[in-house]
Amino acid sequence: MEFSIDSKSGVPLYRQIIEQVKFAIAGGKLQPGDRLPTVRQLAVDLSLNPNTVIRAYREMEIEGLLDTQQGSGTFVGDRRPGIDPVERQRMLDQ
């Protein structure tokens, strides 16, 4: 999957990553179980701070879009759990 970031768009960079992944899932370009680039690799490819990619991946994991497996990578998830907005914010703040 190719990512493109527009730093002049006014949309936060992490949101751009999230929207592109969501669009790829909705369009069938990404299927459950597909592996995403590592945080480090995507940060290098897009010339971003790794924390920006971490934030995007973490938010998508909380939404149930991604599953991160320590030592194995980050994969498109097959779950779409709903989560309370207060709980979501608490998890993001950790």
C-alpha atoms as a PDB file:
ATOM      1  CA  MET A   1       0.000   0.000   0.000  1.00  0.00           C
ATOM      2  CA  GLU A   2       1.265   3.441  -0.920  1.00  0.00           C
ATOM      3  CA  PHE A   3       0.769   6.286   1.523  1.00  0.00           C
ATOM      4  CA  SER A   4       0.931   9.963   0.638  1.00  0.00           C
ATOM      5  CA  ILE A   5       0.969  12.835   3.085  1.00  0.00           C
ATOM      6  CA  ASP A   6       0.107  16.466   2.366  1.00  0.00           C
ATOM      7  CA  SER A   7       1.671  18.599   5.085  1.00  0.00           C
ATOM      8  CA  LYS A   8      -0.094  21.698   3.730  1.00  0.00           C
ATOM      9  CA  SER A   9      -3.623  20.269   3.800  1.00  0.00           C
ATOM     10  CA  GLY A  10      -4.421  21.352   7.345  1.00  0.00           C
ATOM     11  CA  VAL A  11      -5.424  17.782   8.220  1.00  0.00           C
ATOM     12  CA  PRO A  12      -3.223  16.349  10.986  1.00  0.00           C
ATOM     13  CA  LEU A  13      -0.662  13.928   9.581  1.00  0.00           C
ATOM     14  CA  TYR A  14      -1.772  11.036  11.790  1.00  0.00           C
ATOM     15  CA  ARG A  15      -5.380  11.554  10.598  1.00  0.00           C
ATOM     16  CA  GLN A  16      -4.224  11.356   6.982  1.00  0.00           C
ATOM     17  CA  ILE A  17      -2.663   7.955   7.684  1.00  0.00           C
ATOM     18  CA  ILE A  18      -5.853   6.760   9.398  1.00  0.00           C
ATOM     19  CA  GLU A  19      -8.090   7.943   6.569  1.00  0.00           C
ATOM     20  CA  GLN A  20      -5.906   6.275   3.943  1.00  0.00           C
ATOM     21  CA  VAL A  21      -5.964   2.957   5.791  1.00  0.00           C
ATOM     22  CA  LYS A  22      -9.749   3.178   6.266  1.00  0.00           C
ATOM     23  CA  PHE A  23     -10.203   3.977   2.574  1.00  0.00           C
ATOM     24  CA  ALA A  24      -7.991   1.029   1.579  1.00  0.00           C
ATOM     25  CA  ILE A  25      -9.975  -1.320   3.835  1.00  0.00           C
ATOM     26  CA  ALA A  26     -13.315  -0.036   2.523  1.00  0.00           C
ATOM     27  CA  GLY A  27     -12.085  -0.323  -1.065  1.00  0.00           C
ATOM     28  CA  GLY A  28     -10.823  -3.858  -0.592  1.00  0.00           C
ATOM     29  CA  LYS A  29      -7.153  -2.990  -1.098  1.00  0.00           C
ATOM     30  CA  LEU A  30      -6.447  -4.107   2.462  1.00  0.00           C
ATOM     31  CA  GLN A  31      -7.962  -7.330   3.767  1.00  0.00           C
ATOM     32  CA  PRO A  32      -8.086  -8.751   7.308  1.00  0.00           C
ATOM     33  CA  GLY A  33      -4.677 -10.197   8.093  1.00  0.00           C
ATOM     34  CA  ASP A  34      -2.753  -7.975   5.674  1.00  0.00           C
ATOM     35  CA  ARG A  35       0.442  -6.635   7.193  1.00  0.00           C
ATOM     36  CA  LEU A  36       1.095  -2.895   7.395  1.00  0.00           C
ATOM     37  CA  PRO A  37       4.555  -1.323   7.299  1.00  0.00           C
ATOM     38  CA  THR A  38       6.411  -1.105  10.589  1.00  0.00           C
ATOM     39  CA  VAL A  39       6.206   2.185  12.451  1.00  0.00           C
ATOM     40  CA  ARG A  40       9.844   2.875  11.709  1.00  0.00           C
ATOM     41  CA  GLN A  41       9.554   2.026   8.012  1.00  0.00           C
ATOM     42  CA  LEU A  42       6.440   4.132   7.447  1.00  0.00           C
ATOM     43  CA  ALA A  43       7.983   7.053   9.344  1.00  0.00           C
ATOM     44  CA  VAL A  44      11.101   6.870   7.157  1.00  0.00           C
ATOM     45  CA  ASP A  45       9.089   6.467   3.936  1.00  0.00           C
ATOM     46  CA  LEU A  46       6.920   9.497   4.725  1.00  0.00           C
ATOM     47  CA  SER A  47       9.642  11.557   6.459  1.00  0.00           C
ATOM     48  CA  LEU A  48       7.568  11.695   9.641  1.00  0.00           C
ATOM     49  CA  ASN A  49       8.344  11.459  13.316  1.00  0.00           C
ATOM     50  CA  PRO A  50       7.723   7.850  14.411  1.00  0.00           C
ATOM     51  CA  ASN A  51       5.400   9.172  17.134  1.00  0.00           C
ATOM     52  CA  THR A  52       3.021  10.370  14.407  1.00  0.00           C
ATOM     53  CA  VAL A  53       2.774   6.852  12.982  1.00  0.00           C
ATOM     54  CA  ILE A  54       2.473   5.364  16.476  1.00  0.00           C
ATOM     55  CA  ARG A  55      -0.459   7.670  17.188  1.00  0.00           C
ATOM     56  CA  ALA A  56      -2.225   6.672  13.966  1.00  0.00           C
ATOM     57  CA  TYR A  57      -1.655   2.948  14.528  1.00  0.00           C
ATOM     58  CA  ARG A  58      -2.716   3.180  18.173  1.00  0.00           C
ATOM     59  CA  GLU A  59      -5.957   4.965  17.317  1.00  0.00           C
ATOM     60  CA  MET A  60      -6.781   2.405  14.634  1.00  0.00           C
ATOM     61  CA  GLU A  61      -6.003  -0.412  17.053  1.00  0.00           C
ATOM     62  CA  ILE A  62      -8.389   1.095  19.605  1.00  0.00           C
ATOM     63  CA  GLU A  63     -11.064   1.310  16.886  1.00  0.00           C
ATOM     64  CA  GLY A  64     -10.495  -2.359  16.067  1.00  0.00           C
ATOM     65  CA  LEU A  65      -9.152  -1.698  12.589  1.00  0.00           C
ATOM     66  CA  LEU A  66      -5.668  -3.016  13.365  1.00  0.00           C
ATOM     67  CA  ASP A  67      -4.113  -5.720  15.500  1.00  0.00           C
ATOM     68  CA  THR A  68      -0.554  -5.253  16.698  1.00  0.00           C
ATOM     69  CA  GLN A  69       1.364  -8.371  17.646  1.00  0.00           C
ATOM     70  CA  GLN A  70       4.588  -7.695  19.511  1.00  0.00           C
ATOM     71  CA  GLY A  71       7.504  -8.944  17.441  1.00  0.00           C
ATOM     72  CA  SER A  72       5.308  -9.893  14.476  1.00  0.00           C
ATOM     73  CA  GLY A  73       3.927  -6.613  13.177  1.00  0.00           C
ATOM     74  CA  THR A  74       0.734  -4.683  12.652  1.00  0.00           C
ATOM     75  CA  PHE A  75      -2.081  -6.311  10.722  1.00  0.00           C
ATOM     76  CA  VAL A  76      -5.519  -5.335   9.453  1.00  0.00           C
ATOM     77  CA  GLY A  77      -8.013  -6.626  12.006  1.00  0.00           C
ATOM     78  CA  ASP A  78     -11.306  -8.353  11.365  1.00  0.00           C
ATOM     79  CA  ARG A  79     -13.102  -6.890  14.364  1.00  0.00           C
ATOM     80  CA  ARG A  80     -15.019  -3.624  14.388  1.00  0.00           C
ATOM     81  CA  PRO A  81     -15.795  -3.131  18.069  1.00  0.00           C
ATOM     82  CA  GLY A  82     -17.537   0.006  19.193  1.00  0.00           C
ATOM     83  CA  ILE A  83     -15.830   1.855  21.994  1.00  0.00           C
ATOM     84  CA  ASP A  84     -17.099   4.539  24.312  1.00  0.00           C
ATOM     85  CA  PRO A  85     -15.574   7.962  23.433  1.00  0.00           C
ATOM     86  CA  VAL A  86     -14.447   8.508  27.036  1.00  0.00           C
ATOM     87  CA  GLU A  87     -12.749   5.090  27.103  1.00  0.00           C
ATOM     88  CA  ARG A  88     -11.167   5.792  23.727  1.00  0.00           C
ATOM     89  CA  GLN A  89      -9.686   9.061  24.985  1.00  0.00           C
ATOM     90  CA  ARG A  90      -8.416   7.374  28.156  1.00  0.00           C
ATOM     91  CA  MET A  91      -6.647   4.741  26.072  1.00  0.00           C
ATOM     92  CA  LEU A  92      -5.142   7.367  23.752  1.00  0.00           C
ATOM     93  CA  ASP A  93      -3.837   9.329  26.736  1.00  0.00           C
ATOM     94  CA  GLN A  94      -1.917   6.324  28.090  1.00  0.00           C
END
